Amino acid sequence: MRCQGIESRNLVGMAVLRIISGCLEIGTALLFLRLKKVEIALQLNAVLGLVGPIVFLLVSGLGLITVATKVSPYKVALVALGVAFIVLGSRN
């Protein structure tokens, strides 16, 4: 019973983080159009480039916390390793 409470809270947290991230993306795109300056758009885009991976890590972390209570530690380690590979692979 307790796991379901944690699971639903984490699921809501994951959804809220993605909604906030999406609203930030849309708001920034609208700001691009309103300001009509490529230089400012590039600066704002750079900030969004930092926000995206942070949101990804937070959402993945919440998911891993939830999954960790249901599956073997080996499978949790594989998922965590996959997240780490995504982060490493996307670095410049």
PDB file of N, CA and C in Angstrom:
ATOM      1  N   MET A   1       0.834  -1.195   0.000  1.00  0.00           N
ATOM      2  CA  MET A   1       0.000   0.000   0.000  1.00  0.00           C
ATOM      3  C   MET A   1       0.879   1.260   0.000  1.00  0.00           C
ATOM      4  N   ARG A   2       1.924   1.250   0.820  1.00  0.00           N
ATOM      5  CA  ARG A   2       2.788   2.425   0.905  1.00  0.00           C
ATOM      6  C   ARG A   2       3.497   2.709  -0.415  1.00  0.00           C
ATOM      7  N   CYS A   3       3.884   1.656  -1.114  1.00  0.00           N
ATOM      8  CA  CYS A   3       4.581   1.836  -2.388  1.00  0.00           C
ATOM      9  C   CYS A   3       3.702   2.549  -3.409  1.00  0.00           C
ATOM     10  N   GLN A   4       2.408   2.271  -3.377  1.00  0.00           N
ATOM     11  CA  GLN A   4       1.523   2.930  -4.325  1.00  0.00           C
ATOM     12  C   GLN A   4       1.466   4.430  -4.073  1.00  0.00           C
ATOM     13  N   GLY A   5       1.514   4.849  -2.823  1.00  0.00           N
ATOM     14  CA  GLY A   5       1.522   6.276  -2.508  1.00  0.00           C
ATOM     15  C   GLY A   5       2.770   6.961  -3.012  1.00  0.00           C
ATOM     16  N   ILE A   6       3.901   6.306  -2.784  1.00  0.00           N
ATOM     17  CA  ILE A   6       5.173   6.851  -3.276  1.00  0.00           C
ATOM     18  C   ILE A   6       5.182   6.863  -4.789  1.00  0.00           C
ATOM     19  N   GLU A   7       4.683   5.780  -5.401  1.00  0.00           N
ATOM     20  CA  GLU A   7       4.676   5.683  -6.858  1.00  0.00           C
ATOM     21  C   GLU A   7       3.824   6.779  -7.483  1.00  0.00           C
ATOM     22  N   SER A   8       2.629   6.997  -6.940  1.00  0.00           N
ATOM     23  CA  SER A   8       1.762   8.028  -7.524  1.00  0.00           C
ATOM     24  C   SER A   8       2.332   9.420  -7.300  1.00  0.00           C
ATOM     25  N   ARG A   9       2.955   9.654  -6.152  1.00  0.00           N
ATOM     26  CA  ARG A   9       3.586  10.960  -5.909  1.00  0.00           C
ATOM     27  C   ARG A   9       4.738  11.192  -6.867  1.00  0.00           C
ATOM     28  N   ASN A  10       5.552  10.164  -7.064  1.00  0.00           N
ATOM     29  CA  ASN A  10       6.681  10.309  -7.991  1.00  0.00           C
ATOM     30  C   ASN A  10       6.202  10.491  -9.418  1.00  0.00           C
ATOM     31  N   LEU A  11       5.139   9.777  -9.792  1.00  0.00           N
ATOM     32  CA  LEU A  11       4.593   9.925 -11.133  1.00  0.00           C
ATOM     33  C   LEU A  11       4.062  11.340 -11.348  1.00  0.00           C
ATOM     34  N   VAL A  12       3.380  11.879 -10.362  1.00  0.00           N
ATOM     35  CA  VAL A  12       2.892  13.264 -10.455  1.00  0.00           C
ATOM     36  C   VAL A  12       4.080  14.223 -10.529  1.00  0.00           C
ATOM     37  N   GLY A  13       5.101  13.965  -9.732  1.00  0.00           N
ATOM     38  CA  GLY A  13       6.311  14.800  -9.776  1.00  0.00           C
ATOM     39  C   GLY A  13       6.976  14.774 -11.133  1.00  0.00           C
ATOM     40  N   MET A  14       7.064  13.583 -11.739  1.00  0.00           N
ATOM     41  CA  MET A  14       7.652  13.455 -13.059  1.00  0.00           C
ATOM     42  C   MET A  14       6.841  14.252 -14.082  1.00  0.00           C
ATOM     43  N   ALA A  15       5.528  14.129 -14.004  1.00  0.00           N
ATOM     44  CA  ALA A  15       4.658  14.840 -14.949  1.00  0.00           C
ATOM     45  C   ALA A  15       4.764  16.350 -14.761  1.00  0.00           C
ATOM     46  N   VAL A  16       4.780  16.797 -13.518  1.00  0.00           N
ATOM     47  CA  VAL A  16       4.860  18.237 -13.247  1.00  0.00           C
ATOM     48  C   VAL A  16       6.183  18.811 -13.768  1.00  0.00           C
ATOM     49  N   LEU A  17       7.273  18.095 -13.552  1.00  0.00           N
ATOM     50  CA  LEU A  17       8.565  18.564 -14.071  1.00  0.00           C
ATOM     51  C   LEU A  17       8.540  18.691 -15.588  1.00  0.00           C
ATOM     52  N   ARG A  18       7.944  17.710 -16.272  1.00  0.00           N
ATOM     53  CA  ARG A  18       7.869  17.770 -17.732  1.00  0.00           C
ATOM     54  C   ARG A  18       6.936  18.886 -18.201  1.00  0.00           C
ATOM     55  N   ILE A  19       5.853  19.126 -17.476  1.00  0.00           N
ATOM     56  CA  ILE A  19       4.942  20.221 -17.831  1.00  0.00           C
ATOM     57  C   ILE A  19       5.651  21.563 -17.670  1.00  0.00           C
ATOM     58  N   ILE A  20       6.361  21.728 -16.564  1.00  0.00           N
ATOM     59  CA  ILE A  20       7.108  22.973 -16.341  1.00  0.00           C
ATOM     60  C   ILE A  20       8.150  23.159 -17.442  1.00  0.00           C
ATOM     61  N   SER A  21       8.856  22.083 -17.774  1.00  0.00           N
ATOM     62  CA  SER A  21       9.865  22.149 -18.827  1.00  0.00           C
ATOM     63  C   SER A  21       9.231  22.534 -20.163  1.00  0.00           C
ATOM     64  N   GLY A  22       8.101  21.936 -20.485  1.00  0.00           N
ATOM     65  CA  GLY A  22       7.415  22.261 -21.731  1.00  0.00           C
ATOM     66  C   GLY A  22       6.943  23.704 -21.771  1.00  0.00           C
ATOM     67  N   CYS A  23       6.409  24.179 -20.650  1.00  0.00           N
ATOM     68  CA  CYS A  23       5.971  25.582 -20.585  1.00  0.00           C
ATOM     69  C   CYS A  23       7.146  26.531 -20.756  1.00  0.00           C
ATOM     70  N   LEU A  24       8.289  26.181 -20.170  1.00  0.00           N
ATOM     71  CA  LEU A  24       9.497  26.993 -20.352  1.00  0.00           C
ATOM     72  C   LEU A  24       9.905  27.040 -21.822  1.00  0.00           C
ATOM     73  N   GLU A  25       9.852  25.907 -22.489  1.00  0.00           N
ATOM     74  CA  GLU A  25      10.213  25.842 -23.907  1.00  0.00           C
ATOM     75  C   GLU A  25       9.274  26.709 -24.747  1.00  0.00           C
ATOM     76  N   ILE A  26       7.982  26.564 -24.530  1.00  0.00           N
ATOM     77  CA  ILE A  26       7.002  27.339 -25.300  1.00  0.00           C
ATOM     78  C   ILE A  26       7.131  28.827 -24.986  1.00  0.00           C
ATOM     79  N   GLY A  27       7.281  29.156 -23.706  1.00  0.00           N
ATOM     80  CA  GLY A  27       7.433  30.561 -23.321  1.00  0.00           C
ATOM     81  C   GLY A  27       8.664  31.189 -23.942  1.00  0.00           C
ATOM     82  N   THR A  28       9.748  30.431 -23.972  1.00  0.00           N
ATOM     83  CA  THR A  28      10.973  30.953 -24.572  1.00  0.00           C
ATOM     84  C   THR A  28      10.809  31.139 -26.080  1.00  0.00           C
ATOM     85  N   ALA A  29      10.128  30.208 -26.742  1.00  0.00           N
ATOM     86  CA  ALA A  29       9.887  30.358 -28.178  1.00  0.00           C
ATOM     87  C   ALA A  29       9.060  31.611 -28.457  1.00  0.00           C
ATOM     88  N   LEU A  30       8.065  31.859 -27.630  1.00  0.00           N
ATOM     89  CA  LEU A  30       7.260  33.072 -27.798  1.00  0.00           C
ATOM     90  C   LEU A  30       8.100  34.322 -27.561  1.00  0.00           C
ATOM     91  N   LEU A  31       9.009  34.231 -26.600  1.00  0.00           N
ATOM     92  CA  LEU A  31       9.915  35.349 -26.327  1.00  0.00           C
ATOM     93  C   LEU A  31      10.830  35.606 -27.522  1.00  0.00           C
ATOM     94  N   PHE A  32      11.299  34.538 -28.175  1.00  0.00           N
ATOM     95  CA  PHE A  32      12.091  34.687 -29.406  1.00  0.00           C
ATOM     96  C   PHE A  32      11.334  35.553 -30.403  1.00  0.00           C
ATOM     97  N   LEU A  33      10.077  35.185 -30.623  1.00  0.00           N
ATOM     98  CA  LEU A  33       9.270  35.890 -31.622  1.00  0.00           C
ATOM     99  C   LEU A  33       8.983  37.334 -31.212  1.00  0.00           C
ATOM    100  N   ARG A  34       8.802  37.558 -29.927  1.00  0.00           N
ATOM    101  CA  ARG A  34       8.485  38.912 -29.464  1.00  0.00           C
ATOM    102  C   ARG A  34       9.700  39.832 -29.542  1.00  0.00           C
ATOM    103  N   LEU A  35      10.861  39.326 -29.146  1.00  0.00           N
ATOM    104  CA  LEU A  35      12.062  40.170 -29.107  1.00  0.00           C
ATOM    105  C   LEU A  35      12.683  40.371 -30.486  1.00  0.00           C
ATOM    106  N   LYS A  36      12.530  39.404 -31.365  1.00  0.00           N
ATOM    107  CA  LYS A  36      12.999  39.500 -32.749  1.00  0.00           C
ATOM    108  C   LYS A  36      14.488  39.810 -32.864  1.00  0.00           C
ATOM    109  N   LYS A  37      15.291  39.223 -31.959  1.00  0.00           N
ATOM    110  CA  LYS A  37      16.742  39.416 -32.017  1.00  0.00           C
ATOM    111  C   LYS A  37      17.415  38.056 -31.908  1.00  0.00           C
ATOM    112  N   VAL A  38      18.182  37.720 -32.927  1.00  0.00           N
ATOM    113  CA  VAL A  38      18.830  36.421 -32.968  1.00  0.00           C
ATOM    114  C   VAL A  38      19.821  36.256 -31.814  1.00  0.00           C
ATOM    115  N   GLU A  39      20.532  37.320 -31.468  1.00  0.00           N
ATOM    116  CA  GLU A  39      21.533  37.237 -30.404  1.00  0.00           C
ATOM    117  C   GLU A  39      20.887  36.844 -29.078  1.00  0.00           C
ATOM    118  N   ILE A  40      19.776  37.487 -28.757  1.00  0.00           N
ATOM    119  CA  ILE A  40      19.080  37.180 -27.507  1.00  0.00           C
ATOM    120  C   ILE A  40      18.493  35.770 -27.575  1.00  0.00           C
ATOM    121  N   ALA A  41      17.977  35.396 -28.733  1.00  0.00           N
ATOM    122  CA  ALA A  41      17.417  34.054 -28.904  1.00  0.00           C
ATOM    123  C   ALA A  41      18.491  32.988 -28.668  1.00  0.00           C
ATOM    124  N   LEU A  42      19.694  33.234 -29.143  1.00  0.00           N
ATOM    125  CA  LEU A  42      20.785  32.288 -28.920  1.00  0.00           C
ATOM    126  C   LEU A  42      21.148  32.180 -27.443  1.00  0.00           C
ATOM    127  N   GLN A  43      21.138  33.303 -26.747  1.00  0.00           N
ATOM    128  CA  GLN A  43      21.434  33.281 -25.317  1.00  0.00           C
ATOM    129  C   GLN A  43      20.366  32.510 -24.548  1.00  0.00           C
ATOM    130  N   LEU A  44      19.107  32.771 -24.877  1.00  0.00           N
ATOM    131  CA  LEU A  44      18.017  32.056 -24.215  1.00  0.00           C
ATOM    132  C   LEU A  44      18.062  30.564 -24.549  1.00  0.00           C
ATOM    133  N   ASN A  45      18.414  30.248 -25.777  1.00  0.00           N
ATOM    134  CA  ASN A  45      18.532  28.857 -26.181  1.00  0.00           C
ATOM    135  C   ASN A  45      19.634  28.146 -25.396  1.00  0.00           C
ATOM    136  N   ALA A  46      20.714  28.849 -25.109  1.00  0.00           N
ATOM    137  CA  ALA A  46      21.798  28.268 -24.313  1.00  0.00           C
ATOM    138  C   ALA A  46      21.319  27.927 -22.905  1.00  0.00           C
ATOM    139  N   VAL A  47      20.505  28.809 -22.341  1.00  0.00           N
ATOM    140  CA  VAL A  47      19.958  28.536 -21.007  1.00  0.00           C
ATOM    141  C   VAL A  47      19.063  27.301 -21.056  1.00  0.00           C
ATOM    142  N   LEU A  48      18.230  27.211 -22.097  1.00  0.00           N
ATOM    143  CA  LEU A  48      17.370  26.036 -22.237  1.00  0.00           C
ATOM    144  C   LEU A  48      18.195  24.769 -22.426  1.00  0.00           C
ATOM    145  N   GLY A  49      19.344  24.906 -23.049  1.00  0.00           N
ATOM    146  CA  GLY A  49      20.232  23.759 -23.229  1.00  0.00           C
ATOM    147  C   GLY A  49      20.730  23.212 -21.902  1.00  0.00           C
ATOM    148  N   LEU A  50      20.787  24.055 -20.890  1.00  0.00           N
ATOM    149  CA  LEU A  50      21.160  23.605 -19.543  1.00  0.00           C
ATOM    150  C   LEU A  50      19.968  23.033 -18.793  1.00  0.00           C
ATOM    151  N   VAL A  51      18.808  23.599 -19.009  1.00  0.00           N
ATOM    152  CA  VAL A  51      17.604  23.173 -18.293  1.00  0.00           C
ATOM    153  C   VAL A  51      17.193  21.766 -18.713  1.00  0.00           C
ATOM    154  N   GLY A  52      17.287  21.462 -20.007  1.00  0.00           N
ATOM    155  CA  GLY A  52      16.854  20.166 -20.519  1.00  0.00           C
ATOM    156  C   GLY A  52      17.502  18.974 -19.820  1.00  0.00           C
ATOM    157  N   PRO A  53      18.822  18.923 -19.750  1.00  0.00           N
ATOM    158  CA  PRO A  53      19.471  17.791 -19.067  1.00  0.00           C
ATOM    159  C   PRO A  53      19.152  17.726 -17.574  1.00  0.00           C
ATOM    160  N   ILE A  54      18.985  18.874 -16.952  1.00  0.00           N
ATOM    161  CA  ILE A  54      18.643  18.878 -15.527  1.00  0.00           C
ATOM    162  C   ILE A  54      17.271  18.255 -15.316  1.00  0.00           C
ATOM    163  N   VAL A  55      16.309  18.631 -16.150  1.00  0.00           N
ATOM    164  CA  VAL A  55      14.970  18.051 -16.059  1.00  0.00           C
ATOM    165  C   VAL A  55      15.040  16.550 -16.343  1.00  0.00           C
ATOM    166  N   PHE A  56      15.802  16.165 -17.364  1.00  0.00           N
ATOM    167  CA  PHE A  56      15.965  14.749 -17.692  1.00  0.00           C
ATOM    168  C   PHE A  56      16.483  13.966 -16.485  1.00  0.00           C
ATOM    169  N   LEU A  57      17.519  14.481 -15.836  1.00  0.00           N
ATOM    170  CA  LEU A  57      18.095  13.789 -14.685  1.00  0.00           C
ATOM    171  C   LEU A  57      17.115  13.719 -13.513  1.00  0.00           C
ATOM    172  N   LEU A  58      16.392  14.803 -13.270  1.00  0.00           N
ATOM    173  CA  LEU A  58      15.422  14.799 -12.172  1.00  0.00           C
ATOM    174  C   LEU A  58      14.288  13.808 -12.419  1.00  0.00           C
ATOM    175  N   VAL A  59      13.751  13.822 -13.632  1.00  0.00           N
ATOM    176  CA  VAL A  59      12.662  12.893 -13.960  1.00  0.00           C
ATOM    177  C   VAL A  59      13.166  11.451 -13.917  1.00  0.00           C
ATOM    178  N   SER A  60      14.356  11.216 -14.447  1.00  0.00           N
ATOM    179  CA  SER A  60      14.929   9.867 -14.399  1.00  0.00           C
ATOM    180  C   SER A  60      15.170   9.424 -12.964  1.00  0.00           C
ATOM    181  N   GLY A  61      15.641  10.344 -12.144  1.00  0.00           N
ATOM    182  CA  GLY A  61      15.873  10.022 -10.733  1.00  0.00           C
ATOM    183  C   GLY A  61      14.594   9.628 -10.014  1.00  0.00           C
ATOM    184  N   LEU A  62      13.530  10.383 -10.247  1.00  0.00           N
ATOM    185  CA  LEU A  62      12.247  10.027  -9.629  1.00  0.00           C
ATOM    186  C   LEU A  62      11.774   8.665 -10.110  1.00  0.00           C
ATOM    187  N   GLY A  63      11.940   8.401 -11.385  1.00  0.00           N
ATOM    188  CA  GLY A  63      11.555   7.095 -11.921  1.00  0.00           C
ATOM    189  C   GLY A  63      12.388   5.970 -11.328  1.00  0.00           C
ATOM    190  N   LEU A  64      13.678   6.201 -11.203  1.00  0.00           N
ATOM    191  CA  LEU A  64      14.556   5.173 -10.628  1.00  0.00           C
ATOM    192  C   LEU A  64      14.222   4.887  -9.173  1.00  0.00           C
ATOM    193  N   ILE A  65      13.893   5.927  -8.437  1.00  0.00           N
ATOM    194  CA  ILE A  65      13.508   5.732  -7.030  1.00  0.00           C
ATOM    195  C   ILE A  65      12.286   4.834  -6.948  1.00  0.00           C
ATOM    196  N   THR A  66      11.334   5.065  -7.820  1.00  0.00           N
ATOM    197  CA  THR A  66      10.110   4.272  -7.819  1.00  0.00           C
ATOM    198  C   THR A  66      10.382   2.841  -8.260  1.00  0.00           C
ATOM    199  N   VAL A  67      11.150   2.676  -9.322  1.00  0.00           N
ATOM    200  CA  VAL A  67      11.427   1.347  -9.854  1.00  0.00           C
ATOM    201  C   VAL A  67      12.289   0.544  -8.886  1.00  0.00           C
ATOM    202  N   ALA A  68      13.160   1.215  -8.153  1.00  0.00           N
ATOM    203  CA  ALA A  68      14.090   0.535  -7.257  1.00  0.00           C
ATOM    204  C   ALA A  68      13.371  -0.320  -6.218  1.00  0.00           C
ATOM    205  N   THR A  69      12.154   0.053  -5.868  1.00  0.00           N
ATOM    206  CA  THR A  69      11.412  -0.716  -4.863  1.00  0.00           C
ATOM    207  C   THR A  69      10.724  -1.933  -5.459  1.00  0.00           C
ATOM    208  N   LYS A  70      10.704  -2.055  -6.794  1.00  0.00           N
ATOM    209  CA  LYS A  70       9.935  -3.120  -7.441  1.00  0.00           C
ATOM    210  C   LYS A  70      10.777  -4.155  -8.185  1.00  0.00           C
ATOM    211  N   VAL A  71      11.966  -3.788  -8.602  1.00  0.00           N
ATOM    212  CA  VAL A  71      12.765  -4.708  -9.417  1.00  0.00           C
ATOM    213  C   VAL A  71      14.093  -4.994  -8.724  1.00  0.00           C
ATOM    214  N   SER A  72      14.823  -5.936  -9.288  1.00  0.00           N
ATOM    215  CA  SER A  72      16.099  -6.339  -8.689  1.00  0.00           C
ATOM    216  C   SER A  72      17.115  -5.201  -8.783  1.00  0.00           C
ATOM    217  N   PRO A  73      18.047  -5.186  -7.848  1.00  0.00           N
ATOM    218  CA  PRO A  73      19.105  -4.165  -7.894  1.00  0.00           C
ATOM    219  C   PRO A  73      19.897  -4.197  -9.202  1.00  0.00           C
ATOM    220  N   TYR A  74      20.044  -5.368  -9.796  1.00  0.00           N
ATOM    221  CA  TYR A  74      20.748  -5.502 -11.072  1.00  0.00           C
ATOM    222  C   TYR A  74      20.048  -4.686 -12.156  1.00  0.00           C
ATOM    223  N   LYS A  75      18.727  -4.796 -12.234  1.00  0.00           N
ATOM    224  CA  LYS A  75      17.979  -4.062 -13.259  1.00  0.00           C
ATOM    225  C   LYS A  75      18.003  -2.554 -12.997  1.00  0.00           C
ATOM    226  N   VAL A  76      17.946  -2.160 -11.738  1.00  0.00           N
ATOM    227  CA  VAL A  76      18.047  -0.736 -11.401  1.00  0.00           C
ATOM    228  C   VAL A  76      19.410  -0.214 -11.823  1.00  0.00           C
ATOM    229  N   ALA A  77      20.456  -0.995 -11.587  1.00  0.00           N
ATOM    230  CA  ALA A  77      21.805  -0.590 -11.982  1.00  0.00           C
ATOM    231  C   ALA A  77      21.907  -0.458 -13.505  1.00  0.00           C
ATOM    232  N   LEU A  78      21.256  -1.360 -14.233  1.00  0.00           N
ATOM    233  CA  LEU A  78      21.272  -1.264 -15.695  1.00  0.00           C
ATOM    234  C   LEU A  78      20.577   0.008 -16.180  1.00  0.00           C
ATOM    235  N   VAL A  79      19.438   0.334 -15.577  1.00  0.00           N
ATOM    236  CA  VAL A  79      18.722   1.555 -15.968  1.00  0.00           C
ATOM    237  C   VAL A  79      19.564   2.785 -15.624  1.00  0.00           C
ATOM    238  N   ALA A  80      20.155   2.787 -14.429  1.00  0.00           N
ATOM    239  CA  ALA A  80      21.013   3.911 -14.030  1.00  0.00           C
ATOM    240  C   ALA A  80      22.214   4.036 -14.969  1.00  0.00           C
ATOM    241  N   LEU A  81      22.770   2.908 -15.364  1.00  0.00           N
ATOM    242  CA  LEU A  81      23.889   2.923 -16.306  1.00  0.00           C
ATOM    243  C   LEU A  81      23.451   3.487 -17.657  1.00  0.00           C
ATOM    244  N   GLY A  82      22.238   3.132 -18.081  1.00  0.00           N
ATOM    245  CA  GLY A  82      21.699   3.679 -19.323  1.00  0.00           C
ATOM    246  C   GLY A  82      21.559   5.192 -19.265  1.00  0.00           C
ATOM    247  N   VAL A  83      21.058   5.700 -18.147  1.00  0.00           N
ATOM    248  CA  VAL A  83      20.932   7.150 -17.965  1.00  0.00           C
ATOM    249  C   VAL A  83      22.322   7.793 -18.010  1.00  0.00           C
ATOM    250  N   ALA A  84      23.269   7.170 -17.344  1.00  0.00           N
ATOM    251  CA  ALA A  84      24.642   7.700 -17.341  1.00  0.00           C
ATOM    252  C   ALA A  84      25.228   7.722 -18.765  1.00  0.00           C
ATOM    253  N   PHE A  85      24.971   6.671 -19.541  1.00  0.00           N
ATOM    254  CA  PHE A  85      25.449   6.641 -20.927  1.00  0.00           C
ATOM    255  C   PHE A  85      24.817   7.741 -21.774  1.00  0.00           C
ATOM    256  N   ILE A  86      23.532   7.994 -21.548  1.00  0.00           N
ATOM    257  CA  ILE A  86      22.865   9.080 -22.287  1.00  0.00           C
ATOM    258  C   ILE A  86      23.524  10.410 -21.957  1.00  0.00           C
ATOM    259  N   VAL A  87      23.768  10.649 -20.679  1.00  0.00           N
ATOM    260  CA  VAL A  87      24.398  11.909 -20.266  1.00  0.00           C
ATOM    261  C   VAL A  87      25.799  12.014 -20.848  1.00  0.00           C
ATOM    262  N   LEU A  88      26.581  10.952 -20.737  1.00  0.00           N
ATOM    263  CA  LEU A  88      27.949  10.984 -21.275  1.00  0.00           C
ATOM    264  C   LEU A  88      27.952  11.122 -22.799  1.00  0.00           C
ATOM    265  N   GLY A  89      27.039  10.444 -23.453  1.00  0.00           N
ATOM    266  CA  GLY A  89      26.987  10.496 -24.909  1.00  0.00           C
ATOM    267  C   GLY A  89      26.541  11.838 -25.454  1.00  0.00           C
ATOM    268  N   SER A  90      25.845  12.613 -24.657  1.00  0.00           N
ATOM    269  CA  SER A  90      25.359  13.903 -25.146  1.00  0.00           C
ATOM    270  C   SER A  90      26.304  15.044 -24.807  1.00  0.00           C
ATOM    271  N   ARG A  91      27.397  14.749 -24.113  1.00  0.00           N
ATOM    272  CA  ARG A  91      28.382  15.799 -23.797  1.00  0.00           C
ATOM    273  C   ARG A  91      29.200  16.126 -25.019  1.00  0.00           C
ATOM    274  N   ASN A  92      29.631  17.358 -25.096  1.00  0.00           N
ATOM    275  CA  ASN A  92      30.472  17.792 -26.229  1.00  0.00           C
ATOM    276  C   ASN A  92      31.921  17.564 -25.952  1.00  0.00           C
TER     277      ASN A  92
END
